[in-house]
Amino acid sequence: MTLEASLTFTVTDADTALAVGSGTLPVLGTPRLLAWCEAATCAAIEPTLPAGGTSVGTRMSLEHLSPSVVGREVEVTATSSYVDGRLHRFTVAARHVGSAKVIASGEVTRVVVDAERFLSRL
């Protein structure tokens, strides 16, 4: 069973490299784009989680290929590419809404955990 989700975000001043501390330009910051990619993986895996379960990100790889200005809409898609028990690997891609051009691509790995048990170990 392939898990997939797409989310759409609008770039705001709070999402810029300048605002998130990853540069000085008023364009979408890579840390925010990575967070959006993780959000898409969470949305994709959510329907499969057992009661009391959640998932945690364990590995991320992202290539940010093209800038996005404030006001631009970005669609982020996550598609499962590998599942082994609790481990789920997703291919992620981002595009400007209305364009087929990929502005970012990468991979996010998540592991399903029992939320209460996970927190009790901290």
PDB file of N, CA and C in Angstrom:
ATOM      1  N   MET A   1       0.842  -1.184   0.000  1.00  0.00           N
ATOM      2  CA  MET A   1       0.000   0.000   0.000  1.00  0.00           C
ATOM      3  C   MET A   1       0.887   1.246   0.000  1.00  0.00           C
ATOM      4  N   THR A   2       0.708   2.086  -0.989  1.00  0.00           N
ATOM      5  CA  THR A   2       1.484   3.321  -1.086  1.00  0.00           C
ATOM      6  C   THR A   2       0.788   4.412  -0.285  1.00  0.00           C
ATOM      7  N   LEU A   3       1.546   5.049   0.580  1.00  0.00           N
ATOM      8  CA  LEU A   3       1.042   6.168   1.359  1.00  0.00           C
ATOM      9  C   LEU A   3       1.445   7.447   0.652  1.00  0.00           C
ATOM     10  N   GLU A   4       0.507   8.400   0.563  1.00  0.00           N
ATOM     11  CA  GLU A   4       0.814   9.649  -0.115  1.00  0.00           C
ATOM     12  C   GLU A   4      -0.017  10.783   0.460  1.00  0.00           C
ATOM     13  N   ALA A   5       0.562  11.966   0.487  1.00  0.00           N
ATOM     14  CA  ALA A   5      -0.161  13.168   0.894  1.00  0.00           C
ATOM     15  C   ALA A   5       0.466  14.369   0.214  1.00  0.00           C
ATOM     16  N   SER A   6      -0.372  15.352  -0.078  1.00  0.00           N
ATOM     17  CA  SER A   6       0.086  16.626  -0.633  1.00  0.00           C
ATOM     18  C   SER A   6      -0.485  17.746   0.221  1.00  0.00           C
ATOM     19  N   LEU A   7       0.355  18.710   0.552  1.00  0.00           N
ATOM     20  CA  LEU A   7      -0.052  19.874   1.328  1.00  0.00           C
ATOM     21  C   LEU A   7       0.373  21.122   0.573  1.00  0.00           C
ATOM     22  N   THR A   8      -0.410  22.172   0.702  1.00  0.00           N
ATOM     23  CA  THR A   8      -0.088  23.433   0.051  1.00  0.00           C
ATOM     24  C   THR A   8       0.142  24.509   1.104  1.00  0.00           C
ATOM     25  N   PHE A   9       1.198  25.277   0.914  1.00  0.00           N
ATOM     26  CA  PHE A   9       1.584  26.343   1.826  1.00  0.00           C
ATOM     27  C   PHE A   9       1.805  27.623   1.023  1.00  0.00           C
ATOM     28  N   THR A  10       1.578  28.753   1.658  1.00  0.00           N
ATOM     29  CA  THR A  10       1.885  30.046   1.065  1.00  0.00           C
ATOM     30  C   THR A  10       3.078  30.631   1.817  1.00  0.00           C
ATOM     31  N   VAL A  11       4.095  31.022   1.072  1.00  0.00           N
ATOM     32  CA  VAL A  11       5.302  31.592   1.677  1.00  0.00           C
ATOM     33  C   VAL A  11       4.954  32.944   2.297  1.00  0.00           C
ATOM     34  N   THR A  12       5.284  33.106   3.583  1.00  0.00           N
ATOM     35  CA  THR A  12       5.078  34.369   4.291  1.00  0.00           C
ATOM     36  C   THR A  12       6.434  34.917   4.723  1.00  0.00           C
ATOM     37  N   ASP A  13       6.421  36.130   5.242  1.00  0.00           N
ATOM     38  CA  ASP A  13       7.663  36.720   5.754  1.00  0.00           C
ATOM     39  C   ASP A  13       8.291  35.841   6.829  1.00  0.00           C
ATOM     40  N   ALA A  14       7.473  35.157   7.610  1.00  0.00           N
ATOM     41  CA  ALA A  14       7.979  34.291   8.687  1.00  0.00           C
ATOM     42  C   ALA A  14       8.659  33.033   8.152  1.00  0.00           C
ATOM     43  N   ASP A  15       8.482  32.720   6.881  1.00  0.00           N
ATOM     44  CA  ASP A  15       9.057  31.519   6.271  1.00  0.00           C
ATOM     45  C   ASP A  15      10.378  31.786   5.558  1.00  0.00           C
ATOM     46  N   THR A  16      10.796  33.033   5.494  1.00  0.00           N
ATOM     47  CA  THR A  16      11.978  33.382   4.712  1.00  0.00           C
ATOM     48  C   THR A  16      13.273  32.967   5.392  1.00  0.00           C
ATOM     49  N   ALA A  17      14.310  32.845   4.581  1.00  0.00           N
ATOM     50  CA  ALA A  17      15.642  32.521   5.105  1.00  0.00           C
ATOM     51  C   ALA A  17      16.053  33.553   6.151  1.00  0.00           C
ATOM     52  N   LEU A  18      15.745  34.802   5.899  1.00  0.00           N
ATOM     53  CA  LEU A  18      16.057  35.868   6.845  1.00  0.00           C
ATOM     54  C   LEU A  18      15.374  35.630   8.193  1.00  0.00           C
ATOM     55  N   ALA A  19      14.102  35.252   8.166  1.00  0.00           N
ATOM     56  CA  ALA A  19      13.330  35.051   9.400  1.00  0.00           C
ATOM     57  C   ALA A  19      13.741  33.800  10.164  1.00  0.00           C
ATOM     58  N   VAL A  20      14.101  32.728   9.454  1.00  0.00           N
ATOM     59  CA  VAL A  20      14.421  31.469  10.146  1.00  0.00           C
ATOM     60  C   VAL A  20      15.910  31.300  10.425  1.00  0.00           C
ATOM     61  N   GLY A  21      16.712  32.302  10.055  1.00  0.00           N
ATOM     62  CA  GLY A  21      18.130  32.282  10.391  1.00  0.00           C
ATOM     63  C   GLY A  21      19.002  31.431   9.496  1.00  0.00           C
ATOM     64  N   SER A  22      18.538  31.196   8.266  1.00  0.00           N
ATOM     65  CA  SER A  22      19.345  30.368   7.360  1.00  0.00           C
ATOM     66  C   SER A  22      19.903  31.173   6.192  1.00  0.00           C
ATOM     67  N   GLY A  23      19.922  32.482   6.343  1.00  0.00           N
ATOM     68  CA  GLY A  23      20.442  33.343   5.289  1.00  0.00           C
ATOM     69  C   GLY A  23      19.918  34.743   5.471  1.00  0.00           C
ATOM     70  N   THR A  24      20.175  35.571   4.473  1.00  0.00           N
ATOM     71  CA  THR A  24      19.799  36.978   4.587  1.00  0.00           C
ATOM     72  C   THR A  24      18.790  37.414   3.536  1.00  0.00           C
ATOM     73  N   LEU A  25      18.315  36.482   2.723  1.00  0.00           N
ATOM     74  CA  LEU A  25      17.411  36.839   1.635  1.00  0.00           C
ATOM     75  C   LEU A  25      15.935  36.633   2.017  1.00  0.00           C
ATOM     76  N   PRO A  26      15.050  37.444   1.448  1.00  0.00           N
ATOM     77  CA  PRO A  26      13.617  37.322   1.731  1.00  0.00           C
ATOM     78  C   PRO A  26      12.932  36.305   0.812  1.00  0.00           C
ATOM     79  N   VAL A  27      13.470  35.076   0.781  1.00  0.00           N
ATOM     80  CA  VAL A  27      12.900  33.963   0.014  1.00  0.00           C
ATOM     81  C   VAL A  27      12.706  32.782   0.961  1.00  0.00           C
ATOM     82  N   LEU A  28      11.926  31.805   0.527  1.00  0.00           N
ATOM     83  CA  LEU A  28      11.642  30.633   1.356  1.00  0.00           C
ATOM     84  C   LEU A  28      12.933  30.014   1.886  1.00  0.00           C
ATOM     85  N   GLY A  29      13.025  29.880   3.200  1.00  0.00           N
ATOM     86  CA  GLY A  29      14.190  29.283   3.828  1.00  0.00           C
ATOM     87  C   GLY A  29      14.136  27.763   3.765  1.00  0.00           C
ATOM     88  N   THR A  30      15.281  27.159   3.564  1.00  0.00           N
ATOM     89  CA  THR A  30      15.346  25.703   3.468  1.00  0.00           C
ATOM     90  C   THR A  30      14.841  25.005   4.740  1.00  0.00           C
ATOM     91  N   PRO A  31      15.145  25.511   5.945  1.00  0.00           N
ATOM     92  CA  PRO A  31      14.602  24.838   7.138  1.00  0.00           C
ATOM     93  C   PRO A  31      13.071  24.794   7.149  1.00  0.00           C
ATOM     94  N   ARG A  32      12.421  25.875   6.687  1.00  0.00           N
ATOM     95  CA  ARG A  32      10.957  25.882   6.644  1.00  0.00           C
ATOM     96  C   ARG A  32      10.459  24.897   5.593  1.00  0.00           C
ATOM     97  N   LEU A  33      11.125  24.850   4.437  1.00  0.00           N
ATOM     98  CA  LEU A  33      10.740  23.912   3.389  1.00  0.00           C
ATOM     99  C   LEU A  33      10.878  22.473   3.891  1.00  0.00           C
ATOM    100  N   LEU A  34      11.932  22.191   4.624  1.00  0.00           N
ATOM    101  CA  LEU A  34      12.111  20.849   5.193  1.00  0.00           C
ATOM    102  C   LEU A  34      10.982  20.536   6.172  1.00  0.00           C
ATOM    103  N   ALA A  35      10.597  21.503   6.987  1.00  0.00           N
ATOM    104  CA  ALA A  35       9.491  21.289   7.921  1.00  0.00           C
ATOM    105  C   ALA A  35       8.197  20.990   7.162  1.00  0.00           C
ATOM    106  N   TRP A  36       7.982  21.677   6.044  1.00  0.00           N
ATOM    107  CA  TRP A  36       6.799  21.403   5.237  1.00  0.00           C
ATOM    108  C   TRP A  36       6.842  19.991   4.656  1.00  0.00           C
ATOM    109  N   CYS A  37       8.026  19.545   4.259  1.00  0.00           N
ATOM    110  CA  CYS A  37       8.175  18.177   3.749  1.00  0.00           C
ATOM    111  C   CYS A  37       7.859  17.166   4.847  1.00  0.00           C
ATOM    112  N   GLU A  38       8.344  17.425   6.049  1.00  0.00           N
ATOM    113  CA  GLU A  38       8.029  16.534   7.172  1.00  0.00           C
ATOM    114  C   GLU A  38       6.533  16.515   7.448  1.00  0.00           C
ATOM    115  N   ALA A  39       5.891  17.673   7.371  1.00  0.00           N
ATOM    116  CA  ALA A  39       4.441  17.743   7.594  1.00  0.00           C
ATOM    117  C   ALA A  39       3.702  16.870   6.587  1.00  0.00           C
ATOM    118  N   ALA A  40       4.159  16.857   5.351  1.00  0.00           N
ATOM    119  CA  ALA A  40       3.522  16.014   4.328  1.00  0.00           C
ATOM    120  C   ALA A  40       3.706  14.533   4.652  1.00  0.00           C
ATOM    121  N   THR A  41       4.888  14.151   5.164  1.00  0.00           N
ATOM    122  CA  THR A  41       5.085  12.744   5.537  1.00  0.00           C
ATOM    123  C   THR A  41       4.198  12.372   6.714  1.00  0.00           C
ATOM    124  N   CYS A  42       4.028  13.292   7.659  1.00  0.00           N
ATOM    125  CA  CYS A  42       3.138  13.038   8.800  1.00  0.00           C
ATOM    126  C   CYS A  42       1.706  12.837   8.323  1.00  0.00           C
ATOM    127  N   ALA A  43       1.276  13.667   7.388  1.00  0.00           N
ATOM    128  CA  ALA A  43      -0.077  13.539   6.845  1.00  0.00           C
ATOM    129  C   ALA A  43      -0.253  12.216   6.107  1.00  0.00           C
ATOM    130  N   ALA A  44       0.790  11.761   5.429  1.00  0.00           N
ATOM    131  CA  ALA A  44       0.703  10.502   4.679  1.00  0.00           C
ATOM    132  C   ALA A  44       0.618   9.293   5.602  1.00  0.00           C
ATOM    133  N   ILE A  45       1.371   9.307   6.683  1.00  0.00           N
ATOM    134  CA  ILE A  45       1.438   8.141   7.565  1.00  0.00           C
ATOM    135  C   ILE A  45       0.318   8.112   8.601  1.00  0.00           C
ATOM    136  N   GLU A  46      -0.252   9.264   8.896  1.00  0.00           N
ATOM    137  CA  GLU A  46      -1.261   9.397   9.961  1.00  0.00           C
ATOM    138  C   GLU A  46      -2.384   8.357   9.906  1.00  0.00           C
ATOM    139  N   PRO A  47      -2.998   8.105   8.750  1.00  0.00           N
ATOM    140  CA  PRO A  47      -4.120   7.151   8.719  1.00  0.00           C
ATOM    141  C   PRO A  47      -3.735   5.719   9.086  1.00  0.00           C
ATOM    142  N   THR A  48      -2.458   5.402   9.077  1.00  0.00           N
ATOM    143  CA  THR A  48      -2.035   4.020   9.351  1.00  0.00           C
ATOM    144  C   THR A  48      -1.567   3.814  10.784  1.00  0.00           C
ATOM    145  N   LEU A  49      -1.505   4.885  11.566  1.00  0.00           N
ATOM    146  CA  LEU A  49      -0.955   4.773  12.913  1.00  0.00           C
ATOM    147  C   LEU A  49      -1.910   4.039  13.849  1.00  0.00           C
ATOM    148  N   PRO A  50      -1.356   3.168  14.709  1.00  0.00           N
ATOM    149  CA  PRO A  50      -2.195   2.485  15.690  1.00  0.00           C
ATOM    150  C   PRO A  50      -2.626   3.459  16.790  1.00  0.00           C
ATOM    151  N   ALA A  51      -3.610   3.081  17.575  1.00  0.00           N
ATOM    152  CA  ALA A  51      -4.038   3.904  18.702  1.00  0.00           C
ATOM    153  C   ALA A  51      -2.844   4.179  19.604  1.00  0.00           C
ATOM    154  N   GLY A  52      -2.650   5.430  19.979  1.00  0.00           N
ATOM    155  CA  GLY A  52      -1.525   5.802  20.829  1.00  0.00           C
ATOM    156  C   GLY A  52      -0.208   5.933  20.090  1.00  0.00           C
ATOM    157  N   GLY A  53      -0.245   5.712  18.791  1.00  0.00           N
ATOM    158  CA  GLY A  53       0.982   5.755  17.996  1.00  0.00           C
ATOM    159  C   GLY A  53       1.208   7.104  17.357  1.00  0.00           C
ATOM    160  N   THR A  54       2.458   7.369  17.070  1.00  0.00           N
ATOM    161  CA  THR A  54       2.854   8.552  16.327  1.00  0.00           C
ATOM    162  C   THR A  54       4.095   8.163  15.532  1.00  0.00           C
ATOM    163  N   SER A  55       4.635   9.098  14.798  1.00  0.00           N
ATOM    164  CA  SER A  55       5.876   8.807  14.087  1.00  0.00           C
ATOM    165  C   SER A  55       6.864   9.920  14.372  1.00  0.00           C
ATOM    166  N   VAL A  56       8.138   9.564  14.341  1.00  0.00           N
ATOM    167  CA  VAL A  56       9.207  10.534  14.566  1.00  0.00           C
ATOM    168  C   VAL A  56      10.138  10.514  13.364  1.00  0.00           C
ATOM    169  N   GLY A  57      10.606  11.706  12.997  1.00  0.00           N
ATOM    170  CA  GLY A  57      11.557  11.801  11.903  1.00  0.00           C
ATOM    171  C   GLY A  57      12.935  11.378  12.385  1.00  0.00           C
ATOM    172  N   THR A  58      13.614  10.576  11.580  1.00  0.00           N
ATOM    173  CA  THR A  58      14.941  10.091  11.973  1.00  0.00           C
ATOM    174  C   THR A  58      16.033  10.448  10.966  1.00  0.00           C
ATOM    175  N   ARG A  59      15.645  10.747   9.737  1.00  0.00           N
ATOM    176  CA  ARG A  59      16.643  11.079   8.720  1.00  0.00           C
ATOM    177  C   ARG A  59      15.982  11.931   7.649  1.00  0.00           C
ATOM    178  N   MET A  60      16.674  13.001   7.237  1.00  0.00           N
ATOM    179  CA  MET A  60      16.159  13.890   6.213  1.00  0.00           C
ATOM    180  C   MET A  60      17.265  14.230   5.222  1.00  0.00           C
ATOM    181  N   SER A  61      16.903  14.288   3.973  1.00  0.00           N
ATOM    182  CA  SER A  61      17.820  14.715   2.923  1.00  0.00           C
ATOM    183  C   SER A  61      16.999  15.554   1.964  1.00  0.00           C
ATOM    184  N   LEU A  62      17.438  16.797   1.725  1.00  0.00           N
ATOM    185  CA  LEU A  62      16.656  17.678   0.872  1.00  0.00           C
ATOM    186  C   LEU A  62      17.573  18.508  -0.003  1.00  0.00           C
ATOM    187  N   GLU A  63      17.260  18.553  -1.285  1.00  0.00           N
ATOM    188  CA  GLU A  63      17.966  19.409  -2.217  1.00  0.00           C
ATOM    189  C   GLU A  63      17.013  20.541  -2.610  1.00  0.00           C
ATOM    190  N   HIS A  64      17.352  21.757  -2.202  1.00  0.00           N
ATOM    191  CA  HIS A  64      16.531  22.940  -2.471  1.00  0.00           C
ATOM    192  C   HIS A  64      17.058  23.560  -3.766  1.00  0.00           C
ATOM    193  N   LEU A  65      16.277  23.465  -4.835  1.00  0.00           N
ATOM    194  CA  LEU A  65      16.754  23.754  -6.182  1.00  0.00           C
ATOM    195  C   LEU A  65      16.421  25.135  -6.724  1.00  0.00           C
ATOM    196  N   SER A  66      15.360  25.752  -6.185  1.00  0.00           N
ATOM    197  CA  SER A  66      14.888  27.001  -6.777  1.00  0.00           C
ATOM    198  C   SER A  66      14.230  27.864  -5.698  1.00  0.00           C
ATOM    199  N   PRO A  67      14.401  29.186  -5.762  1.00  0.00           N
ATOM    200  CA  PRO A  67      13.826  30.057  -4.730  1.00  0.00           C
ATOM    201  C   PRO A  67      12.321  30.267  -4.896  1.00  0.00           C
ATOM    202  N   SER A  68      11.701  30.651  -3.784  1.00  0.00           N
ATOM    203  CA  SER A  68      10.272  30.971  -3.777  1.00  0.00           C
ATOM    204  C   SER A  68      10.093  32.281  -3.030  1.00  0.00           C
ATOM    205  N   VAL A  69       9.427  33.231  -3.663  1.00  0.00           N
ATOM    206  CA  VAL A  69       9.242  34.550  -3.064  1.00  0.00           C
ATOM    207  C   VAL A  69       8.028  34.551  -2.134  1.00  0.00           C
ATOM    208  N   VAL A  70       7.977  35.550  -1.261  1.00  0.00           N
ATOM    209  CA  VAL A  70       6.838  35.725  -0.368  1.00  0.00           C
ATOM    210  C   VAL A  70       5.568  35.866  -1.216  1.00  0.00           C
ATOM    211  N   GLY A  71       4.531  35.152  -0.803  1.00  0.00           N
ATOM    212  CA  GLY A  71       3.260  35.155  -1.528  1.00  0.00           C
ATOM    213  C   GLY A  71       3.080  33.977  -2.458  1.00  0.00           C
ATOM    214  N   ARG A  72       4.163  33.292  -2.790  1.00  0.00           N
ATOM    215  CA  ARG A  72       4.103  32.147  -3.717  1.00  0.00           C
ATOM    216  C   ARG A  72       3.526  30.938  -2.994  1.00  0.00           C
ATOM    217  N   GLU A  73       2.688  30.183  -3.687  1.00  0.00           N
ATOM    218  CA  GLU A  73       2.138  28.946  -3.130  1.00  0.00           C
ATOM    219  C   GLU A  73       3.033  27.776  -3.523  1.00  0.00           C
ATOM    220  N   VAL A  74       3.294  26.917  -2.539  1.00  0.00           N
ATOM    221  CA  VAL A  74       4.159  25.758  -2.745  1.00  0.00           C
ATOM    222  C   VAL A  74       3.387  24.503  -2.350  1.00  0.00           C
ATOM    223  N   GLU A  75       3.364  23.522  -3.262  1.00  0.00           N
ATOM    224  CA  GLU A  75       2.744  22.230  -2.960  1.00  0.00           C
ATOM    225  C   GLU A  75       3.850  21.225  -2.668  1.00  0.00           C
ATOM    226  N   VAL A  76       3.720  20.559  -1.528  1.00  0.00           N
ATOM    227  CA  VAL A  76       4.696  19.562  -1.109  1.00  0.00           C
ATOM    228  C   VAL A  76       4.010  18.199  -1.106  1.00  0.00           C
ATOM    229  N   THR A  77       4.625  17.222  -1.757  1.00  0.00           N
ATOM    230  CA  THR A  77       4.074  15.872  -1.849  1.00  0.00           C
ATOM    231  C   THR A  77       5.036  14.867  -1.223  1.00  0.00           C
ATOM    232  N   ALA A  78       4.479  13.959  -0.446  1.00  0.00           N
ATOM    233  CA  ALA A  78       5.252  12.864   0.149  1.00  0.00           C
ATOM    234  C   ALA A  78       4.643  11.546  -0.312  1.00  0.00           C
ATOM    235  N   THR A  79       5.500  10.642  -0.797  1.00  0.00           N
ATOM    236  CA  THR A  79       5.058   9.332  -1.272  1.00  0.00           C
ATOM    237  C   THR A  79       5.947   8.269  -0.656  1.00  0.00           C
ATOM    238  N   SER A  80       5.324   7.260  -0.052  1.00  0.00           N
ATOM    239  CA  SER A  80       6.129   6.204   0.571  1.00  0.00           C
ATOM    240  C   SER A  80       6.919   5.464  -0.507  1.00  0.00           C
ATOM    241  N   SER A  81       8.184   5.208  -0.202  1.00  0.00           N
ATOM    242  CA  SER A  81       9.040   4.497  -1.151  1.00  0.00           C
ATOM    243  C   SER A  81       9.588   3.198  -0.564  1.00  0.00           C
ATOM    244  N   TYR A  82       9.482   3.051   0.759  1.00  0.00           N
ATOM    245  CA  TYR A  82      10.011   1.851   1.414  1.00  0.00           C
ATOM    246  C   TYR A  82       9.371   1.724   2.787  1.00  0.00           C
ATOM    247  N   VAL A  83       8.929   0.521   3.127  1.00  0.00           N
ATOM    248  CA  VAL A  83       8.378   0.255   4.454  1.00  0.00           C
ATOM    249  C   VAL A  83       8.968  -1.050   4.944  1.00  0.00           C
ATOM    250  N   ASP A  84       9.451  -1.033   6.191  1.00  0.00           N
ATOM    251  CA  ASP A  84       9.967  -2.237   6.839  1.00  0.00           C
ATOM    252  C   ASP A  84       9.543  -2.183   8.298  1.00  0.00           C
ATOM    253  N   GLY A  85       8.425  -2.825   8.595  1.00  0.00           N
ATOM    254  CA  GLY A  85       7.909  -2.779   9.957  1.00  0.00           C
ATOM    255  C   GLY A  85       7.531  -1.361  10.347  1.00  0.00           C
ATOM    256  N   ARG A  86       8.214  -0.849  11.368  1.00  0.00           N
ATOM    257  CA  ARG A  86       7.906   0.494  11.874  1.00  0.00           C
ATOM    258  C   ARG A  86       8.594   1.595  11.072  1.00  0.00           C
ATOM    259  N   LEU A  87       9.548   1.240  10.229  1.00  0.00           N
ATOM    260  CA  LEU A  87      10.311   2.224   9.455  1.00  0.00           C
ATOM    261  C   LEU A  87       9.598   2.539   8.139  1.00  0.00           C
ATOM    262  N   HIS A  88       9.436   3.836   7.872  1.00  0.00           N
ATOM    263  CA  HIS A  88       8.794   4.303   6.640  1.00  0.00           C
ATOM    264  C   HIS A  88       9.694   5.343   5.992  1.00  0.00           C
ATOM    265  N   ARG A  89      10.035   5.126   4.735  1.00  0.00           N
ATOM    266  CA  ARG A  89      10.841   6.086   3.981  1.00  0.00           C
ATOM    267  C   ARG A  89       9.949   6.725   2.919  1.00  0.00           C
ATOM    268  N   PHE A  90      10.040   8.042   2.818  1.00  0.00           N
ATOM    269  CA  PHE A  90       9.221   8.802   1.877  1.00  0.00           C
ATOM    270  C   PHE A  90      10.089   9.589   0.917  1.00  0.00           C
ATOM    271  N   THR A  91       9.663   9.629  -0.337  1.00  0.00           N
ATOM    272  CA  THR A  91      10.221  10.548  -1.314  1.00  0.00           C
ATOM    273  C   THR A  91       9.385  11.814  -1.224  1.00  0.00           C
ATOM    274  N   VAL A  92      10.052  12.961  -1.152  1.00  0.00           N
ATOM    275  CA  VAL A  92       9.342  14.234  -1.066  1.00  0.00           C
ATOM    276  C   VAL A  92       9.721  15.115  -2.243  1.00  0.00           C
ATOM    277  N   ALA A  93       8.771  15.930  -2.673  1.00  0.00           N
ATOM    278  CA  ALA A  93       9.018  16.881  -3.754  1.00  0.00           C
ATOM    279  C   ALA A  93       8.166  18.118  -3.514  1.00  0.00           C
ATOM    280  N   ALA A  94       8.700  19.259  -3.903  1.00  0.00           N
ATOM    281  CA  ALA A  94       7.964  20.522  -3.790  1.00  0.00           C
ATOM    282  C   ALA A  94       7.939  21.202  -5.153  1.00  0.00           C
ATOM    283  N   ARG A  95       6.792  21.822  -5.446  1.00  0.00           N
ATOM    284  CA  ARG A  95       6.604  22.548  -6.706  1.00  0.00           C
ATOM    285  C   ARG A  95       5.828  23.821  -6.411  1.00  0.00           C
ATOM    286  N   HIS A  96       6.042  24.821  -7.232  1.00  0.00           N
ATOM    287  CA  HIS A  96       5.180  25.992  -7.154  1.00  0.00           C
ATOM    288  C   HIS A  96       3.817  25.580  -7.692  1.00  0.00           C
ATOM    289  N   VAL A  97       2.751  26.001  -7.030  1.00  0.00           N
ATOM    290  CA  VAL A  97       1.400  25.673  -7.487  1.00  0.00           C
ATOM    291  C   VAL A  97       1.233  26.225  -8.902  1.00  0.00           C
ATOM    292  N   GLY A  98       0.734  25.364  -9.783  1.00  0.00           N
ATOM    293  CA  GLY A  98       0.533  25.755 -11.174  1.00  0.00           C
ATOM    294  C   GLY A  98       1.731  25.501 -12.067  1.00  0.00           C
ATOM    295  N   SER A  99       2.790  24.904 -11.509  1.00  0.00           N
ATOM    296  CA  SER A  99       3.995  24.622 -12.278  1.00  0.00           C
ATOM    297  C   SER A  99       4.422  23.178 -12.055  1.00  0.00           C
ATOM    298  N   ALA A 100       4.949  22.561 -13.076  1.00  0.00           N
ATOM    299  CA  ALA A 100       5.460  21.194 -12.950  1.00  0.00           C
ATOM    300  C   ALA A 100       6.913  21.168 -12.495  1.00  0.00           C
ATOM    301  N   LYS A 101       7.564  22.336 -12.494  1.00  0.00           N
ATOM    302  CA  LYS A 101       8.980  22.414 -12.134  1.00  0.00           C
ATOM    303  C   LYS A 101       9.187  22.067 -10.665  1.00  0.00           C
ATOM    304  N   VAL A 102      10.072  21.115 -10.406  1.00  0.00           N
ATOM    305  CA  VAL A 102      10.405  20.716  -9.041  1.00  0.00           C
ATOM    306  C   VAL A 102      11.354  21.755  -8.449  1.00  0.00           C
ATOM    307  N   ILE A 103      10.980  22.312  -7.298  1.00  0.00           N
ATOM    308  CA  ILE A 103      11.838  23.297  -6.638  1.00  0.00           C
ATOM    309  C   ILE A 103      12.639  22.683  -5.494  1.00  0.00           C
ATOM    310  N   ALA A 104      12.257  21.467  -5.088  1.00  0.00           N
ATOM    311  CA  ALA A 104      13.007  20.745  -4.057  1.00  0.00           C
ATOM    312  C   ALA A 104      12.641  19.278  -4.141  1.00  0.00           C
ATOM    313  N   SER A 105      13.601  18.419  -3.808  1.00  0.00           N
ATOM    314  CA  SER A 105      13.326  16.988  -3.753  1.00  0.00           C
ATOM    315  C   SER A 105      14.222  16.357  -2.710  1.00  0.00           C
ATOM    316  N   GLY A 106      13.776  15.229  -2.202  1.00  0.00           N
ATOM    317  CA  GLY A 106      14.578  14.556  -1.186  1.00  0.00           C
ATOM    318  C   GLY A 106      13.883  13.348  -0.616  1.00  0.00           C
ATOM    319  N   GLU A 107      14.308  13.005   0.603  1.00  0.00           N
ATOM    320  CA  GLU A 107      13.825  11.799   1.261  1.00  0.00           C
ATOM    321  C   GLU A 107      13.714  12.060   2.758  1.00  0.00           C
ATOM    322  N   VAL A 108      12.636  11.556   3.359  1.00  0.00           N
ATOM    323  CA  VAL A 108      12.423  11.671   4.802  1.00  0.00           C
ATOM    324  C   VAL A 108      12.115  10.278   5.331  1.00  0.00           C
ATOM    325  N   THR A 109      12.803   9.890   6.400  1.00  0.00           N
ATOM    326  CA  THR A 109      12.561   8.603   7.050  1.00  0.00           C
ATOM    327  C   THR A 109      11.883   8.853   8.394  1.00  0.00           C
ATOM    328  N   ARG A 110      10.826   8.094   8.651  1.00  0.00           N
ATOM    329  CA  ARG A 110      10.092   8.190   9.912  1.00  0.00           C
ATOM    330  C   ARG A 110       9.987   6.797  10.527  1.00  0.00           C
ATOM    331  N   VAL A 111       9.893   6.752  11.850  1.00  0.00           N
ATOM    332  CA  VAL A 111       9.718   5.501  12.576  1.00  0.00           C
ATOM    333  C   VAL A 111       8.469   5.625  13.440  1.00  0.00           C
ATOM    334  N   VAL A 112       7.604   4.627  13.382  1.00  0.00           N
ATOM    335  CA  VAL A 112       6.387   4.608  14.182  1.00  0.00           C
ATOM    336  C   VAL A 112       6.754   4.201  15.605  1.00  0.00           C
ATOM    337  N   VAL A 113       6.262   4.976  16.577  1.00  0.00           N
ATOM    338  CA  VAL A 113       6.523   4.700  17.987  1.00  0.00           C
ATOM    339  C   VAL A 113       5.226   4.829  18.782  1.00  0.00           C
ATOM    340  N   ASP A 114       5.200   4.225  19.962  1.00  0.00           N
ATOM    341  CA  ASP A 114       4.125   4.449  20.910  1.00  0.00           C
ATOM    342  C   ASP A 114       4.444   5.754  21.631  1.00  0.00           C
ATOM    343  N   ALA A 115       3.570   6.746  21.522  1.00  0.00           N
ATOM    344  CA  ALA A 115       3.852   8.086  22.042  1.00  0.00           C
ATOM    345  C   ALA A 115       4.147   8.077  23.535  1.00  0.00           C
ATOM    346  N   GLU A 116       3.323   7.389  24.307  1.00  0.00           N
ATOM    347  CA  GLU A 116       3.518   7.378  25.762  1.00  0.00           C
ATOM    348  C   GLU A 116       4.835   6.716  26.142  1.00  0.00           C
ATOM    349  N   ARG A 117       5.125   5.594  25.525  1.00  0.00           N
ATOM    350  CA  ARG A 117       6.382   4.890  25.813  1.00  0.00           C
ATOM    351  C   ARG A 117       7.594   5.737  25.407  1.00  0.00           C
ATOM    352  N   PHE A 118       7.504   6.378  24.255  1.00  0.00           N
ATOM    353  CA  PHE A 118       8.577   7.225  23.768  1.00  0.00           C
ATOM    354  C   PHE A 118       8.858   8.351  24.765  1.00  0.00           C
ATOM    355  N   LEU A 119       7.800   9.034  25.199  1.00  0.00           N
ATOM    356  CA  LEU A 119       7.982  10.153  26.123  1.00  0.00           C
ATOM    357  C   LEU A 119       8.455   9.713  27.501  1.00  0.00           C
ATOM    358  N   SER A 120       8.077   8.497  27.909  1.00  0.00           N
ATOM    359  CA  SER A 120       8.482   8.012  29.243  1.00  0.00           C
ATOM    360  C   SER A 120       9.989   7.754  29.330  1.00  0.00           C
ATOM    361  N   ARG A 121      10.639   7.644  28.184  1.00  0.00           N
ATOM    362  CA  ARG A 121      12.089   7.388  28.162  1.00  0.00           C
ATOM    363  C   ARG A 121      12.916   8.662  28.268  1.00  0.00           C
ATOM    364  N   LEU A 122      12.282   9.812  28.197  1.00  0.00           N
ATOM    365  CA  LEU A 122      13.015  11.078  28.201  1.00  0.00           C
ATOM    366  C   LEU A 122      13.388  11.509  29.602  1.00  0.00           C
TER     367      LEU A 122
END
